[in-house]
Amino acid sequence: MKLLFTEWLKAAAVRALKTVCQTALSVIGTSALLSEVNWKAVLSASLLAGLLSLLTSAAGIPEVKKTNSLGEEISEGYDGENGL
């Protein structure tokens, strides 16, 4: 279980970092000149986007394979009882 959490945490962190960078570039890109950038707005929007990314990742990350207690990969739609 610890291995699965560690794998999830790494994947979630990578996604959050990418989201933070993309948001920062988007907010910076709205300014005509680099000297006109509202850095507080860039920081605020970027951190909020990173937090939302982590919360969204809590619902599941496709990069992290789901496994059962035996370490076997679980396919989509598997309900654990009748193998569907």
C-alpha atoms as a PDB file:
ATOM      1  CA  MET A   1       0.000   0.000   0.000  1.00  0.00           C
ATOM      2  CA  LYS A   2       2.866   2.350   0.811  1.00  0.00           C
ATOM      3  CA  LEU A   3       4.336   1.755  -2.648  1.00  0.00           C
ATOM      4  CA  LEU A   4       1.024   2.632  -4.294  1.00  0.00           C
ATOM      5  CA  PHE A   5       0.759   5.852  -2.252  1.00  0.00           C
ATOM      6  CA  THR A   6       4.332   6.804  -3.125  1.00  0.00           C
ATOM      7  CA  GLU A   7       3.636   6.201  -6.818  1.00  0.00           C
ATOM      8  CA  TRP A   8       0.425   8.251  -6.587  1.00  0.00           C
ATOM      9  CA  LEU A   9       2.193  11.069  -4.755  1.00  0.00           C
ATOM     10  CA  LYS A  10       4.914  11.298  -7.413  1.00  0.00           C
ATOM     11  CA  ALA A  11       2.391  11.317 -10.268  1.00  0.00           C
ATOM     12  CA  ALA A  12       0.193  13.884  -8.489  1.00  0.00           C
ATOM     13  CA  ALA A  13       3.198  16.127  -7.779  1.00  0.00           C
ATOM     14  CA  VAL A  14       4.305  16.034 -11.416  1.00  0.00           C
ATOM     15  CA  ARG A  15       0.783  16.923 -12.578  1.00  0.00           C
ATOM     16  CA  ALA A  16       0.496  19.734 -10.023  1.00  0.00           C
ATOM     17  CA  LEU A  17       3.885  21.190 -10.983  1.00  0.00           C
ATOM     18  CA  LYS A  18       2.955  21.145 -14.676  1.00  0.00           C
ATOM     19  CA  THR A  19      -0.341  22.843 -13.852  1.00  0.00           C
ATOM     20  CA  VAL A  20       1.393  25.517 -11.762  1.00  0.00           C
ATOM     21  CA  CYS A  21       3.849  26.274 -14.582  1.00  0.00           C
ATOM     22  CA  GLN A  22       1.134  26.394 -17.243  1.00  0.00           C
ATOM     23  CA  THR A  23      -0.983  28.719 -15.125  1.00  0.00           C
ATOM     24  CA  ALA A  24       1.953  31.017 -14.411  1.00  0.00           C
ATOM     25  CA  LEU A  25       2.784  31.253 -18.113  1.00  0.00           C
ATOM     26  CA  SER A  26      -0.842  31.978 -18.940  1.00  0.00           C
ATOM     27  CA  VAL A  27      -1.162  34.767 -16.383  1.00  0.00           C
ATOM     28  CA  ILE A  28       2.202  36.273 -17.352  1.00  0.00           C
ATOM     29  CA  GLY A  29       1.166  36.099 -21.003  1.00  0.00           C
ATOM     30  CA  THR A  30      -1.802  38.393 -20.387  1.00  0.00           C
ATOM     31  CA  SER A  31       0.536  41.335 -19.725  1.00  0.00           C
ATOM     32  CA  ALA A  32       1.799  43.460 -22.589  1.00  0.00           C
ATOM     33  CA  LEU A  33       5.193  44.019 -20.974  1.00  0.00           C
ATOM     34  CA  LEU A  34       7.144  41.952 -18.456  1.00  0.00           C
ATOM     35  CA  SER A  35       7.351  45.007 -16.192  1.00  0.00           C
ATOM     36  CA  GLU A  36       3.526  45.137 -16.048  1.00  0.00           C
ATOM     37  CA  VAL A  37       3.111  41.606 -14.698  1.00  0.00           C
ATOM     38  CA  ASN A  38       1.121  41.429 -11.465  1.00  0.00           C
ATOM     39  CA  TRP A  39       3.357  38.921  -9.678  1.00  0.00           C
ATOM     40  CA  LYS A  40       0.976  38.516  -6.740  1.00  0.00           C
ATOM     41  CA  ALA A  41      -1.777  37.487  -9.150  1.00  0.00           C
ATOM     42  CA  VAL A  42       0.600  35.059 -10.907  1.00  0.00           C
ATOM     43  CA  LEU A  43       1.585  33.465  -7.597  1.00  0.00           C
ATOM     44  CA  SER A  44      -1.975  33.324  -6.292  1.00  0.00           C
ATOM     45  CA  ALA A  45      -3.461  31.819  -9.445  1.00  0.00           C
ATOM     46  CA  SER A  46      -0.608  29.329  -9.825  1.00  0.00           C
ATOM     47  CA  LEU A  47      -0.797  28.068  -6.247  1.00  0.00           C
ATOM     48  CA  LEU A  48      -4.571  27.732  -6.447  1.00  0.00           C
ATOM     49  CA  ALA A  49      -4.255  25.777  -9.694  1.00  0.00           C
ATOM     50  CA  GLY A  50      -1.673  23.475  -8.088  1.00  0.00           C
ATOM     51  CA  LEU A  51      -3.916  22.852  -5.091  1.00  0.00           C
ATOM     52  CA  LEU A  52      -6.894  22.105  -7.335  1.00  0.00           C
ATOM     53  CA  SER A  53      -4.724  19.724  -9.354  1.00  0.00           C
ATOM     54  CA  LEU A  54      -3.797  17.788  -6.212  1.00  0.00           C
ATOM     55  CA  LEU A  55      -7.433  17.619  -5.120  1.00  0.00           C
ATOM     56  CA  THR A  56      -8.474  16.405  -8.570  1.00  0.00           C
ATOM     57  CA  SER A  57      -5.729  13.772  -8.465  1.00  0.00           C
ATOM     58  CA  ALA A  58      -7.255  12.392  -5.271  1.00  0.00           C
ATOM     59  CA  ALA A  59     -10.074  11.025  -7.454  1.00  0.00           C
ATOM     60  CA  GLY A  60      -7.535   8.947  -9.370  1.00  0.00           C
ATOM     61  CA  ILE A  61      -4.613   9.255 -11.722  1.00  0.00           C
ATOM     62  CA  PRO A  62      -4.502   7.133 -14.888  1.00  0.00           C
ATOM     63  CA  GLU A  63      -0.700   6.946 -14.677  1.00  0.00           C
ATOM     64  CA  VAL A  64      -0.975   4.931 -11.450  1.00  0.00           C
ATOM     65  CA  LYS A  65      -2.116   1.377 -12.105  1.00  0.00           C
ATOM     66  CA  LYS A  66      -4.708  -0.032  -9.730  1.00  0.00           C
ATOM     67  CA  THR A  67      -3.709  -3.296  -8.065  1.00  0.00           C
ATOM     68  CA  ASN A  68      -5.416  -5.772  -5.760  1.00  0.00           C
ATOM     69  CA  SER A  69      -4.008  -7.078  -2.477  1.00  0.00           C
ATOM     70  CA  LEU A  70      -1.900  -9.638  -4.393  1.00  0.00           C
ATOM     71  CA  GLY A  71      -0.273  -6.926  -6.486  1.00  0.00           C
ATOM     72  CA  GLU A  72      -2.136  -7.943  -9.645  1.00  0.00           C
ATOM     73  CA  GLU A  73      -3.259  -5.144 -11.948  1.00  0.00           C
ATOM     74  CA  ILE A  74      -7.013  -4.538 -11.920  1.00  0.00           C
ATOM     75  CA  SER A  75      -8.602  -3.813 -15.273  1.00  0.00           C
ATOM     76  CA  GLU A  76     -11.290  -1.185 -15.830  1.00  0.00           C
ATOM     77  CA  GLY A  77     -14.731  -2.288 -14.747  1.00  0.00           C
ATOM     78  CA  TYR A  78     -13.503  -5.002 -12.369  1.00  0.00           C
ATOM     79  CA  ASP A  79     -15.895  -5.254  -9.433  1.00  0.00           C
ATOM     80  CA  GLY A  80     -13.976  -7.821  -7.375  1.00  0.00           C
ATOM     81  CA  GLU A  81     -16.750 -10.390  -7.081  1.00  0.00           C
ATOM     82  CA  ASN A  82     -17.689 -11.855 -10.438  1.00  0.00           C
ATOM     83  CA  GLY A  83     -14.689 -10.654 -12.428  1.00  0.00           C
ATOM     84  CA  LEU A  84     -16.577  -8.183 -14.599  1.00  0.00           C
END
